[in-house]
Amino acid sequence: MKDFVNVMKALSDPNRVRIVKMLQHKTLCVCEIQAILQIAQPSVSKHLKILENTGLVESKKDGLWVNYNLTDGRASPYVASILGNLRHWLEDDPGLTENIKKLPVVRREEICKK
């Protein structure tokens, strides 16, 4: 039951749900997520750590960047089920729709050179 509760807790924050929904469309780094959600970098990092600890998200270092993407859900049946269902949930949420629209134009190279 502990794993189930941890996954549910990880998705109990709206910003973490937004991050998961964005990662369904594109691999992102912290600065890209920060730019889209307009929240502080430490907050983004904290949210990603929680998502990573539950097995929803994984990270991979690529030079200067740390790329975040969704896992395949193999580590937990709860993660697999939630990620599968989240693909279809909240598609009509206006806030999420706005976040998703920003994905094609957000560029880490432009954000991080400031």
PDB file of N, CA and C in Angstrom:
ATOM      1  N   MET A   1       0.818  -1.196   0.000  1.00  0.00           N
ATOM      2  CA  MET A   1       0.000   0.000   0.000  1.00  0.00           C
ATOM      3  C   MET A   1       0.865   1.265   0.000  1.00  0.00           C
ATOM      4  N   LYS A   2       2.053   1.174   0.575  1.00  0.00           N
ATOM      5  CA  LYS A   2       2.928   2.344   0.679  1.00  0.00           C
ATOM      6  C   LYS A   2       3.260   2.938  -0.690  1.00  0.00           C
ATOM      7  N   ASP A   3       3.575   2.083  -1.673  1.00  0.00           N
ATOM      8  CA  ASP A   3       3.901   2.570  -3.014  1.00  0.00           C
ATOM      9  C   ASP A   3       2.718   3.293  -3.643  1.00  0.00           C
ATOM     10  N   PHE A   4       1.536   2.749  -3.472  1.00  0.00           N
ATOM     11  CA  PHE A   4       0.322   3.369  -4.011  1.00  0.00           C
ATOM     12  C   PHE A   4       0.112   4.754  -3.410  1.00  0.00           C
ATOM     13  N   VAL A   5       0.225   4.844  -2.099  1.00  0.00           N
ATOM     14  CA  VAL A   5       0.028   6.121  -1.413  1.00  0.00           C
ATOM     15  C   VAL A   5       1.075   7.141  -1.859  1.00  0.00           C
ATOM     16  N   ASN A   6       2.315   6.711  -2.026  1.00  0.00           N
ATOM     17  CA  ASN A   6       3.367   7.629  -2.474  1.00  0.00           C
ATOM     18  C   ASN A   6       3.096   8.186  -3.869  1.00  0.00           C
ATOM     19  N   VAL A   7       2.602   7.353  -4.771  1.00  0.00           N
ATOM     20  CA  VAL A   7       2.268   7.828  -6.120  1.00  0.00           C
ATOM     21  C   VAL A   7       1.117   8.825  -6.046  1.00  0.00           C
ATOM     22  N   MET A   8       0.121   8.522  -5.244  1.00  0.00           N
ATOM     23  CA  MET A   8      -1.020   9.434  -5.108  1.00  0.00           C
ATOM     24  C   MET A   8      -0.586  10.767  -4.489  1.00  0.00           C
ATOM     25  N   LYS A   9       0.282  10.703  -3.497  1.00  0.00           N
ATOM     26  CA  LYS A   9       0.790  11.937  -2.879  1.00  0.00           C
ATOM     27  C   LYS A   9       1.596  12.760  -3.877  1.00  0.00           C
ATOM     28  N   ALA A  10       2.387  12.081  -4.695  1.00  0.00           N
ATOM     29  CA  ALA A  10       3.204  12.793  -5.682  1.00  0.00           C
ATOM     30  C   ALA A  10       2.330  13.575  -6.650  1.00  0.00           C
ATOM     31  N   LEU A  11       1.155  13.057  -6.944  1.00  0.00           N
ATOM     32  CA  LEU A  11       0.266  13.724  -7.890  1.00  0.00           C
ATOM     33  C   LEU A  11      -0.801  14.573  -7.200  1.00  0.00           C
ATOM     34  N   SER A  12      -0.617  14.813  -5.909  1.00  0.00           N
ATOM     35  CA  SER A  12      -1.589  15.622  -5.175  1.00  0.00           C
ATOM     36  C   SER A  12      -1.331  17.121  -5.312  1.00  0.00           C
ATOM     37  N   ASP A  13      -0.254  17.490  -5.980  1.00  0.00           N
ATOM     38  CA  ASP A  13       0.080  18.898  -6.181  1.00  0.00           C
ATOM     39  C   ASP A  13      -0.186  19.267  -7.649  1.00  0.00           C
ATOM     40  N   PRO A  14      -0.920  20.355  -7.889  1.00  0.00           N
ATOM     41  CA  PRO A  14      -1.236  20.750  -9.272  1.00  0.00           C
ATOM     42  C   PRO A  14      -0.005  20.978 -10.152  1.00  0.00           C
ATOM     43  N   ASN A  15       1.056  21.544  -9.596  1.00  0.00           N
ATOM     44  CA  ASN A  15       2.257  21.771 -10.405  1.00  0.00           C
ATOM     45  C   ASN A  15       2.913  20.459 -10.820  1.00  0.00           C
ATOM     46  N   ARG A  16       2.864  19.456  -9.971  1.00  0.00           N
ATOM     47  CA  ARG A  16       3.430  18.162 -10.342  1.00  0.00           C
ATOM     48  C   ARG A  16       2.593  17.496 -11.433  1.00  0.00           C
ATOM     49  N   VAL A  17       1.280  17.654 -11.365  1.00  0.00           N
ATOM     50  CA  VAL A  17       0.419  17.124 -12.432  1.00  0.00           C
ATOM     51  C   VAL A  17       0.730  17.853 -13.738  1.00  0.00           C
ATOM     52  N   ARG A  18       0.911  19.167 -13.676  1.00  0.00           N
ATOM     53  CA  ARG A  18       1.262  19.938 -14.877  1.00  0.00           C
ATOM     54  C   ARG A  18       2.584  19.441 -15.483  1.00  0.00           C
ATOM     55  N   ILE A  19       3.548  19.183 -14.620  1.00  0.00           N
ATOM     56  CA  ILE A  19       4.848  18.696 -15.095  1.00  0.00           C
ATOM     57  C   ILE A  19       4.679  17.353 -15.802  1.00  0.00           C
ATOM     58  N   VAL A  20       3.944  16.440 -15.201  1.00  0.00           N
ATOM     59  CA  VAL A  20       3.729  15.125 -15.807  1.00  0.00           C
ATOM     60  C   VAL A  20       3.025  15.279 -17.152  1.00  0.00           C
ATOM     61  N   LYS A  21       2.006  16.113 -17.209  1.00  0.00           N
ATOM     62  CA  LYS A  21       1.284  16.318 -18.464  1.00  0.00           C
ATOM     63  C   LYS A  21       2.196  16.913 -19.542  1.00  0.00           C
ATOM     64  N   MET A  22       3.082  17.832 -19.175  1.00  0.00           N
ATOM     65  CA  MET A  22       4.008  18.408 -20.152  1.00  0.00           C
ATOM     66  C   MET A  22       5.012  17.361 -20.623  1.00  0.00           C
ATOM     67  N   LEU A  23       5.470  16.524 -19.708  1.00  0.00           N
ATOM     68  CA  LEU A  23       6.442  15.493 -20.057  1.00  0.00           C
ATOM     69  C   LEU A  23       5.836  14.404 -20.955  1.00  0.00           C
ATOM     70  N   GLN A  24       4.518  14.348 -21.040  1.00  0.00           N
ATOM     71  CA  GLN A  24       3.885  13.435 -21.985  1.00  0.00           C
ATOM     72  C   GLN A  24       4.180  13.856 -23.424  1.00  0.00           C
ATOM     73  N   HIS A  25       4.470  15.126 -23.604  1.00  0.00           N
ATOM     74  CA  HIS A  25       4.668  15.682 -24.943  1.00  0.00           C
ATOM     75  C   HIS A  25       6.131  15.886 -25.315  1.00  0.00           C
ATOM     76  N   LYS A  26       6.988  16.090 -24.300  1.00  0.00           N
ATOM     77  CA  LYS A  26       8.361  16.486 -24.616  1.00  0.00           C
ATOM     78  C   LYS A  26       9.266  16.273 -23.407  1.00  0.00           C
ATOM     79  N   THR A  27      10.490  15.854 -23.643  1.00  0.00           N
ATOM     80  CA  THR A  27      11.509  15.818 -22.604  1.00  0.00           C
ATOM     81  C   THR A  27      11.887  17.263 -22.297  1.00  0.00           C
ATOM     82  N   LEU A  28      12.001  17.587 -21.012  1.00  0.00           N
ATOM     83  CA  LEU A  28      12.264  18.970 -20.600  1.00  0.00           C
ATOM     84  C   LEU A  28      13.362  19.029 -19.548  1.00  0.00           C
ATOM     85  N   CYS A  29      14.008  20.199 -19.460  1.00  0.00           N
ATOM     86  CA  CYS A  29      14.949  20.456 -18.376  1.00  0.00           C
ATOM     87  C   CYS A  29      14.268  21.389 -17.369  1.00  0.00           C
ATOM     88  N   VAL A  30      14.918  21.590 -16.243  1.00  0.00           N
ATOM     89  CA  VAL A  30      14.349  22.409 -15.172  1.00  0.00           C
ATOM     90  C   VAL A  30      14.029  23.812 -15.657  1.00  0.00           C
ATOM     91  N   CYS A  31      14.944  24.434 -16.402  1.00  0.00           N
ATOM     92  CA  CYS A  31      14.718  25.826 -16.816  1.00  0.00           C
ATOM     93  C   CYS A  31      13.531  25.950 -17.761  1.00  0.00           C
ATOM     94  N   GLU A  32      13.279  24.939 -18.586  1.00  0.00           N
ATOM     95  CA  GLU A  32      12.117  24.974 -19.478  1.00  0.00           C
ATOM     96  C   GLU A  32      10.821  24.856 -18.676  1.00  0.00           C
ATOM     97  N   ILE A  33      10.812  23.957 -17.713  1.00  0.00           N
ATOM     98  CA  ILE A  33       9.630  23.798 -16.857  1.00  0.00           C
ATOM     99  C   ILE A  33       9.382  25.084 -16.074  1.00  0.00           C
ATOM    100  N   GLN A  34      10.438  25.653 -15.541  1.00  0.00           N
ATOM    101  CA  GLN A  34      10.353  26.901 -14.782  1.00  0.00           C
ATOM    102  C   GLN A  34       9.760  28.011 -15.649  1.00  0.00           C
ATOM    103  N   ALA A  35      10.223  28.115 -16.892  1.00  0.00           N
ATOM    104  CA  ALA A  35       9.742  29.169 -17.788  1.00  0.00           C
ATOM    105  C   ALA A  35       8.254  29.009 -18.102  1.00  0.00           C
ATOM    106  N   ILE A  36       7.808  27.793 -18.281  1.00  0.00           N
ATOM    107  CA  ILE A  36       6.407  27.556 -18.624  1.00  0.00           C
ATOM    108  C   ILE A  36       5.503  27.748 -17.411  1.00  0.00           C
ATOM    109  N   LEU A  37       5.884  27.181 -16.278  1.00  0.00           N
ATOM    110  CA  LEU A  37       5.024  27.253 -15.085  1.00  0.00           C
ATOM    111  C   LEU A  37       5.163  28.559 -14.312  1.00  0.00           C
ATOM    112  N   GLN A  38       6.255  29.289 -14.586  1.00  0.00           N
ATOM    113  CA  GLN A  38       6.495  30.557 -13.885  1.00  0.00           C
ATOM    114  C   GLN A  38       6.576  30.355 -12.368  1.00  0.00           C
ATOM    115  N   ILE A  39       7.352  29.349 -11.973  1.00  0.00           N
ATOM    116  CA  ILE A  39       7.627  29.127 -10.551  1.00  0.00           C
ATOM    117  C   ILE A  39       9.140  29.077 -10.373  1.00  0.00           C
ATOM    118  N   ALA A  40       9.592  29.223  -9.149  1.00  0.00           N
ATOM    119  CA  ALA A  40      11.023  29.293  -8.847  1.00  0.00           C
ATOM    120  C   ALA A  40      11.734  27.973  -9.169  1.00  0.00           C
ATOM    121  N   GLN A  41      13.004  28.091  -9.552  1.00  0.00           N
ATOM    122  CA  GLN A  41      13.807  26.925  -9.896  1.00  0.00           C
ATOM    123  C   GLN A  41      13.883  25.903  -8.756  1.00  0.00           C
ATOM    124  N   PRO A  42      14.088  26.341  -7.492  1.00  0.00           N
ATOM    125  CA  PRO A  42      14.115  25.336  -6.417  1.00  0.00           C
ATOM    126  C   PRO A  42      12.791  24.573  -6.276  1.00  0.00           C
ATOM    127  N   SER A  43      11.682  25.247  -6.551  1.00  0.00           N
ATOM    128  CA  SER A  43      10.376  24.573  -6.496  1.00  0.00           C
ATOM    129  C   SER A  43      10.259  23.524  -7.589  1.00  0.00           C
ATOM    130  N   VAL A  44      10.689  23.871  -8.798  1.00  0.00           N
ATOM    131  CA  VAL A  44      10.662  22.910  -9.903  1.00  0.00           C
ATOM    132  C   VAL A  44      11.525  21.702  -9.558  1.00  0.00           C
ATOM    133  N   SER A  45      12.723  21.951  -9.066  1.00  0.00           N
ATOM    134  CA  SER A  45      13.629  20.854  -8.703  1.00  0.00           C
ATOM    135  C   SER A  45      13.023  19.964  -7.625  1.00  0.00           C
ATOM    136  N   LYS A  46      12.374  20.552  -6.649  1.00  0.00           N
ATOM    137  CA  LYS A  46      11.738  19.780  -5.572  1.00  0.00           C
ATOM    138  C   LYS A  46      10.609  18.911  -6.137  1.00  0.00           C
ATOM    139  N   HIS A  47       9.783  19.497  -7.000  1.00  0.00           N
ATOM    140  CA  HIS A  47       8.692  18.734  -7.610  1.00  0.00           C
ATOM    141  C   HIS A  47       9.242  17.566  -8.430  1.00  0.00           C
ATOM    142  N   LEU A  48      10.286  17.817  -9.207  1.00  0.00           N
ATOM    143  CA  LEU A  48      10.873  16.759 -10.021  1.00  0.00           C
ATOM    144  C   LEU A  48      11.466  15.648  -9.163  1.00  0.00           C
ATOM    145  N   LYS A  49      12.076  16.015  -8.057  1.00  0.00           N
ATOM    146  CA  LYS A  49      12.656  15.005  -7.151  1.00  0.00           C
ATOM    147  C   LYS A  49      11.564  14.099  -6.586  1.00  0.00           C
ATOM    148  N   ILE A  50      10.444  14.696  -6.206  1.00  0.00           N
ATOM    149  CA  ILE A  50       9.313  13.906  -5.682  1.00  0.00           C
ATOM    150  C   ILE A  50       8.797  12.964  -6.761  1.00  0.00           C
ATOM    151  N   LEU A  51       8.620  13.477  -7.976  1.00  0.00           N
ATOM    152  CA  LEU A  51       8.137  12.644  -9.077  1.00  0.00           C
ATOM    153  C   LEU A  51       9.136  11.536  -9.415  1.00  0.00           C
ATOM    154  N   GLU A  52      10.405  11.857  -9.323  1.00  0.00           N
ATOM    155  CA  GLU A  52      11.444  10.866  -9.615  1.00  0.00           C
ATOM    156  C   GLU A  52      11.486   9.782  -8.532  1.00  0.00           C
ATOM    157  N   ASN A  53      11.349  10.176  -7.293  1.00  0.00           N
ATOM    158  CA  ASN A  53      11.385   9.212  -6.191  1.00  0.00           C
ATOM    159  C   ASN A  53      10.236   8.212  -6.234  1.00  0.00           C
ATOM    160  N   THR A  54       9.119   8.597  -6.831  1.00  0.00           N
ATOM    161  CA  THR A  54       7.983   7.679  -6.926  1.00  0.00           C
ATOM    162  C   THR A  54       8.011   6.840  -8.189  1.00  0.00           C
ATOM    163  N   GLY A  55       8.959   7.123  -9.089  1.00  0.00           N
ATOM    164  CA  GLY A  55       9.073   6.342 -10.309  1.00  0.00           C
ATOM    165  C   GLY A  55       8.244   6.864 -11.468  1.00  0.00           C
ATOM    166  N   LEU A  56       7.672   8.056 -11.331  1.00  0.00           N
ATOM    167  CA  LEU A  56       6.894   8.643 -12.420  1.00  0.00           C
ATOM    168  C   LEU A  56       7.789   9.287 -13.473  1.00  0.00           C
ATOM    169  N   VAL A  57       8.905   9.846 -13.017  1.00  0.00           N
ATOM    170  CA  VAL A  57       9.807  10.612 -13.874  1.00  0.00           C
ATOM    171  C   VAL A  57      11.223  10.072 -13.700  1.00  0.00           C
ATOM    172  N   GLU A  58      12.009  10.157 -14.772  1.00  0.00           N
ATOM    173  CA  GLU A  58      13.420   9.802 -14.679  1.00  0.00           C
ATOM    174  C   GLU A  58      14.237  10.931 -15.289  1.00  0.00           C
ATOM    175  N   SER A  59      15.486  10.994 -14.879  1.00  0.00           N
ATOM    176  CA  SER A  59      16.361  12.049 -15.391  1.00  0.00           C
ATOM    177  C   SER A  59      17.590  11.426 -16.025  1.00  0.00           C
ATOM    178  N   LYS A  60      18.166  12.179 -16.956  1.00  0.00           N
ATOM    179  CA  LYS A  60      19.375  11.724 -17.623  1.00  0.00           C
ATOM    180  C   LYS A  60      20.236  12.944 -17.914  1.00  0.00           C
ATOM    181  N   LYS A  61      21.480  12.894 -17.482  1.00  0.00           N
ATOM    182  CA  LYS A  61      22.420  13.989 -17.716  1.00  0.00           C
ATOM    183  C   LYS A  61      22.872  13.957 -19.168  1.00  0.00           C
ATOM    184  N   ASP A  62      22.863  15.149 -19.789  1.00  0.00           N
ATOM    185  CA  ASP A  62      23.295  15.281 -21.174  1.00  0.00           C
ATOM    186  C   ASP A  62      24.115  16.558 -21.288  1.00  0.00           C
ATOM    187  N   GLY A  63      25.418  16.436 -21.059  1.00  0.00           N
ATOM    188  CA  GLY A  63      26.281  17.616 -21.066  1.00  0.00           C
ATOM    189  C   GLY A  63      25.917  18.548 -19.931  1.00  0.00           C
ATOM    190  N   LEU A  64      25.549  19.770 -20.270  1.00  0.00           N
ATOM    191  CA  LEU A  64      25.159  20.760 -19.260  1.00  0.00           C
ATOM    192  C   LEU A  64      23.747  20.544 -18.744  1.00  0.00           C
ATOM    193  N   TRP A  65      22.954  19.798 -19.467  1.00  0.00           N
ATOM    194  CA  TRP A  65      21.538  19.667 -19.156  1.00  0.00           C
ATOM    195  C   TRP A  65      21.243  18.388 -18.381  1.00  0.00           C
ATOM    196  N   VAL A  66      20.196  18.454 -17.584  1.00  0.00           N
ATOM    197  CA  VAL A  66      19.597  17.250 -17.017  1.00  0.00           C
ATOM    198  C   VAL A  66      18.207  17.183 -17.630  1.00  0.00           C
ATOM    199  N   ASN A  67      17.978  16.157 -18.424  1.00  0.00           N
ATOM    200  CA  ASN A  67      16.703  15.986 -19.115  1.00  0.00           C
ATOM    201  C   ASN A  67      15.773  15.109 -18.291  1.00  0.00           C
ATOM    202  N   TYR A  68      14.515  15.536 -18.224  1.00  0.00           N
ATOM    203  CA  TYR A  68      13.495  14.782 -17.488  1.00  0.00           C
ATOM    204  C   TYR A  68      12.461  14.260 -18.461  1.00  0.00           C
ATOM    205  N   ASN A  69      12.063  13.020 -18.259  1.00  0.00           N
ATOM    206  CA  ASN A  69      11.006  12.416 -19.053  1.00  0.00           C
ATOM    207  C   ASN A  69      10.226  11.438 -18.189  1.00  0.00           C
ATOM    208  N   LEU A  70       9.071  11.036 -18.696  1.00  0.00           N
ATOM    209  CA  LEU A  70       8.274  10.058 -17.961  1.00  0.00           C
ATOM    210  C   LEU A  70       8.925   8.691 -18.070  1.00  0.00           C
ATOM    211  N   THR A  71       8.736   7.883 -17.051  1.00  0.00           N
ATOM    212  CA  THR A  71       9.234   6.506 -17.088  1.00  0.00           C
ATOM    213  C   THR A  71       8.273   5.653 -17.909  1.00  0.00           C
ATOM    214  N   ASP A  72       8.649   4.416 -18.132  1.00  0.00           N
ATOM    215  CA  ASP A  72       7.751   3.500 -18.839  1.00  0.00           C
ATOM    216  C   ASP A  72       6.792   2.812 -17.870  1.00  0.00           C
ATOM    217  N   GLY A  73       6.956   3.052 -16.563  1.00  0.00           N
ATOM    218  CA  GLY A  73       6.034   2.500 -15.573  1.00  0.00           C
ATOM    219  C   GLY A  73       6.311   1.063 -15.177  1.00  0.00           C
ATOM    220  N   ARG A  74       7.400   0.489 -15.675  1.00  0.00           N
ATOM    221  CA  ARG A  74       7.690  -0.918 -15.358  1.00  0.00           C
ATOM    222  C   ARG A  74       7.966  -1.169 -13.882  1.00  0.00           C
ATOM    223  N   ALA A  75       8.471  -0.180 -13.176  1.00  0.00           N
ATOM    224  CA  ALA A  75       8.876  -0.370 -11.780  1.00  0.00           C
ATOM    225  C   ALA A  75       7.685  -0.542 -10.840  1.00  0.00           C
ATOM    226  N   SER A  76       6.514  -0.068 -11.255  1.00  0.00           N
ATOM    227  CA  SER A  76       5.356  -0.122 -10.360  1.00  0.00           C
ATOM    228  C   SER A  76       4.064  -0.215 -11.164  1.00  0.00           C
ATOM    229  N   PRO A  77       3.184  -1.129 -10.784  1.00  0.00           N
ATOM    230  CA  PRO A  77       1.897  -1.206 -11.489  1.00  0.00           C
ATOM    231  C   PRO A  77       1.058   0.062 -11.276  1.00  0.00           C
ATOM    232  N   TYR A  78       1.266   0.739 -10.149  1.00  0.00           N
ATOM    233  CA  TYR A  78       0.517   1.962  -9.868  1.00  0.00           C
ATOM    234  C   TYR A  78       0.982   3.086 -10.794  1.00  0.00           C
ATOM    235  N   VAL A  79       2.285   3.182 -10.976  1.00  0.00           N
ATOM    236  CA  VAL A  79       2.838   4.201 -11.877  1.00  0.00           C
ATOM    237  C   VAL A  79       2.371   3.924 -13.302  1.00  0.00           C
ATOM    238  N   ALA A  80       2.453   2.687 -13.740  1.00  0.00           N
ATOM    239  CA  ALA A  80       2.044   2.331 -15.099  1.00  0.00           C
ATOM    240  C   ALA A  80       0.574   2.681 -15.329  1.00  0.00           C
ATOM    241  N   SER A  81      -0.256   2.339 -14.382  1.00  0.00           N
ATOM    242  CA  SER A  81      -1.690   2.596 -14.515  1.00  0.00           C
ATOM    243  C   SER A  81      -1.998   4.092 -14.530  1.00  0.00           C
ATOM    244  N   ILE A  82      -1.395   4.823 -13.604  1.00  0.00           N
ATOM    245  CA  ILE A  82      -1.636   6.271 -13.520  1.00  0.00           C
ATOM    246  C   ILE A  82      -1.140   6.969 -14.773  1.00  0.00           C
ATOM    247  N   LEU A  83       0.073   6.650 -15.229  1.00  0.00           N
ATOM    248  CA  LEU A  83       0.598   7.297 -16.435  1.00  0.00           C
ATOM    249  C   LEU A  83      -0.271   6.990 -17.651  1.00  0.00           C
ATOM    250  N   GLY A  84      -0.752   5.761 -17.734  1.00  0.00           N
ATOM    251  CA  GLY A  84      -1.639   5.393 -18.842  1.00  0.00           C
ATOM    252  C   GLY A  84      -2.940   6.179 -18.814  1.00  0.00           C
ATOM    253  N   ASN A  85      -3.519   6.304 -17.644  1.00  0.00           N
ATOM    254  CA  ASN A  85      -4.783   7.036 -17.522  1.00  0.00           C
ATOM    255  C   ASN A  85      -4.596   8.538 -17.682  1.00  0.00           C
ATOM    256  N   LEU A  86      -3.500   9.070 -17.166  1.00  0.00           N
ATOM    257  CA  LEU A  86      -3.260  10.514 -17.271  1.00  0.00           C
ATOM    258  C   LEU A  86      -3.141  10.981 -18.719  1.00  0.00           C
ATOM    259  N   ARG A  87      -2.791  10.070 -19.611  1.00  0.00           N
ATOM    260  CA  ARG A  87      -2.731  10.438 -21.040  1.00  0.00           C
ATOM    261  C   ARG A  87      -4.082  10.953 -21.522  1.00  0.00           C
ATOM    262  N   HIS A  88      -5.156  10.477 -20.914  1.00  0.00           N
ATOM    263  CA  HIS A  88      -6.503  10.819 -21.368  1.00  0.00           C
ATOM    264  C   HIS A  88      -7.216  11.798 -20.431  1.00  0.00           C
ATOM    265  N   TRP A  89      -6.710  11.949 -19.241  1.00  0.00           N
ATOM    266  CA  TRP A  89      -7.352  12.826 -18.262  1.00  0.00           C
ATOM    267  C   TRP A  89      -6.883  14.263 -18.434  1.00  0.00           C
ATOM    268  N   LEU A  90      -7.727  15.188 -18.084  1.00  0.00           N
ATOM    269  CA  LEU A  90      -7.433  16.626 -17.999  1.00  0.00           C
ATOM    270  C   LEU A  90      -7.118  17.267 -19.351  1.00  0.00           C
ATOM    271  N   GLU A  91      -7.496  16.627 -20.440  1.00  0.00           N
ATOM    272  CA  GLU A  91      -7.208  17.171 -21.759  1.00  0.00           C
ATOM    273  C   GLU A  91      -7.938  18.486 -22.024  1.00  0.00           C
ATOM    274  N   ASP A  92      -9.029  18.729 -21.310  1.00  0.00           N
ATOM    275  CA  ASP A  92      -9.798  19.954 -21.532  1.00  0.00           C
ATOM    276  C   ASP A  92      -9.527  21.027 -20.470  1.00  0.00           C
ATOM    277  N   ASP A  93      -8.541  20.821 -19.622  1.00  0.00           N
ATOM    278  CA  ASP A  93      -8.208  21.809 -18.598  1.00  0.00           C
ATOM    279  C   ASP A  93      -7.537  23.013 -19.261  1.00  0.00           C
ATOM    280  N   PRO A  94      -8.107  24.224 -19.088  1.00  0.00           N
ATOM    281  CA  PRO A  94      -7.556  25.400 -19.774  1.00  0.00           C
ATOM    282  C   PRO A  94      -6.111  25.726 -19.381  1.00  0.00           C
ATOM    283  N   GLY A  95      -5.762  25.590 -18.128  1.00  0.00           N
ATOM    284  CA  GLY A  95      -4.398  25.877 -17.679  1.00  0.00           C
ATOM    285  C   GLY A  95      -3.388  24.926 -18.298  1.00  0.00           C
ATOM    286  N   LEU A  96      -3.740  23.648 -18.323  1.00  0.00           N
ATOM    287  CA  LEU A  96      -2.852  22.660 -18.937  1.00  0.00           C
ATOM    288  C   LEU A  96      -2.741  22.872 -20.445  1.00  0.00           C
ATOM    289  N   THR A  97      -3.841  23.224 -21.060  1.00  0.00           N
ATOM    290  CA  THR A  97      -3.819  23.489 -22.495  1.00  0.00           C
ATOM    291  C   THR A  97      -2.857  24.623 -22.816  1.00  0.00           C
ATOM    292  N   GLU A  98      -2.863  25.671 -22.009  1.00  0.00           N
ATOM    293  CA  GLU A  98      -1.940  26.794 -22.207  1.00  0.00           C
ATOM    294  C   GLU A  98      -0.490  26.358 -22.028  1.00  0.00           C
ATOM    295  N   ASN A  99      -0.234  25.540 -21.008  1.00  0.00           N
ATOM    296  CA  ASN A  99       1.123  25.023 -20.790  1.00  0.00           C
ATOM    297  C   ASN A  99       1.599  24.205 -21.987  1.00  0.00           C
ATOM    298  N   ILE A 100       0.750  23.353 -22.493  1.00  0.00           N
ATOM    299  CA  ILE A 100       1.101  22.474 -23.612  1.00  0.00           C
ATOM    300  C   ILE A 100       1.375  23.310 -24.874  1.00  0.00           C
ATOM    301  N   LYS A 101       0.618  24.372 -25.067  1.00  0.00           N
ATOM    302  CA  LYS A 101       0.817  25.233 -26.245  1.00  0.00           C
ATOM    303  C   LYS A 101       2.195  25.898 -26.237  1.00  0.00           C
ATOM    304  N   LYS A 102       2.760  26.105 -25.067  1.00  0.00           N
ATOM    305  CA  LYS A 102       4.061  26.757 -24.949  1.00  0.00           C
ATOM    306  C   LYS A 102       5.224  25.810 -25.236  1.00  0.00           C
ATOM    307  N   LEU A 103       4.997  24.523 -25.183  1.00  0.00           N
ATOM    308  CA  LEU A 103       6.079  23.546 -25.340  1.00  0.00           C
ATOM    309  C   LEU A 103       6.878  23.682 -26.639  1.00  0.00           C
ATOM    310  N   PRO A 104       6.244  23.856 -27.784  1.00  0.00           N
ATOM    311  CA  PRO A 104       7.038  23.932 -29.020  1.00  0.00           C
ATOM    312  C   PRO A 104       7.944  25.166 -29.121  1.00  0.00           C
ATOM    313  N   VAL A 105       7.633  26.207 -28.373  1.00  0.00           N
ATOM    314  CA  VAL A 105       8.422  27.435 -28.511  1.00  0.00           C
ATOM    315  C   VAL A 105       9.436  27.650 -27.392  1.00  0.00           C
ATOM    316  N   VAL A 106       9.360  26.864 -26.343  1.00  0.00           N
ATOM    317  CA  VAL A 106      10.317  27.026 -25.244  1.00  0.00           C
ATOM    318  C   VAL A 106      11.657  26.398 -25.656  1.00  0.00           C
ATOM    319  N   ARG A 107      12.718  27.159 -25.502  1.00  0.00           N
ATOM    320  CA  ARG A 107      14.056  26.708 -25.903  1.00  0.00           C
ATOM    321  C   ARG A 107      15.032  26.943 -24.767  1.00  0.00           C
ATOM    322  N   ARG A 108      15.598  25.867 -24.280  1.00  0.00           N
ATOM    323  CA  ARG A 108      16.529  25.947 -23.153  1.00  0.00           C
ATOM    324  C   ARG A 108      17.722  26.845 -23.447  1.00  0.00           C
ATOM    325  N   GLU A 109      18.194  26.819 -24.678  1.00  0.00           N
ATOM    326  CA  GLU A 109      19.359  27.635 -25.047  1.00  0.00           C
ATOM    327  C   GLU A 109      19.066  29.122 -24.859  1.00  0.00           C
ATOM    328  N   GLU A 110      17.861  29.533 -25.177  1.00  0.00           N
ATOM    329  CA  GLU A 110      17.472  30.938 -25.037  1.00  0.00           C
ATOM    330  C   GLU A 110      17.196  31.294 -23.571  1.00  0.00           C
ATOM    331  N   ILE A 111      16.579  30.395 -22.853  1.00  0.00           N
ATOM    332  CA  ILE A 111      16.221  30.663 -21.452  1.00  0.00           C
ATOM    333  C   ILE A 111      17.471  30.753 -20.587  1.00  0.00           C
ATOM    334  N   CYS A 112      18.393  29.839 -20.762  1.00  0.00           N
ATOM    335  CA  CYS A 112      19.551  29.739 -19.868  1.00  0.00           C
ATOM    336  C   CYS A 112      20.689  30.698 -20.219  1.00  0.00           C
ATOM    337  N   LYS A 113      20.626  31.368 -21.348  1.00  0.00           N
ATOM    338  CA  LYS A 113      21.690  32.301 -21.684  1.00  0.00           C
ATOM    339  C   LYS A 113      21.496  33.662 -21.037  1.00  0.00           C
ATOM    340  N   LYS A 114      20.346  33.854 -20.401  1.00  0.00           N
ATOM    341  CA  LYS A 114      20.057  35.139 -19.746  1.00  0.00           C
ATOM    342  C   LYS A 114      20.909  35.365 -18.533  1.00  0.00           C
TER     343      LYS A 114
END
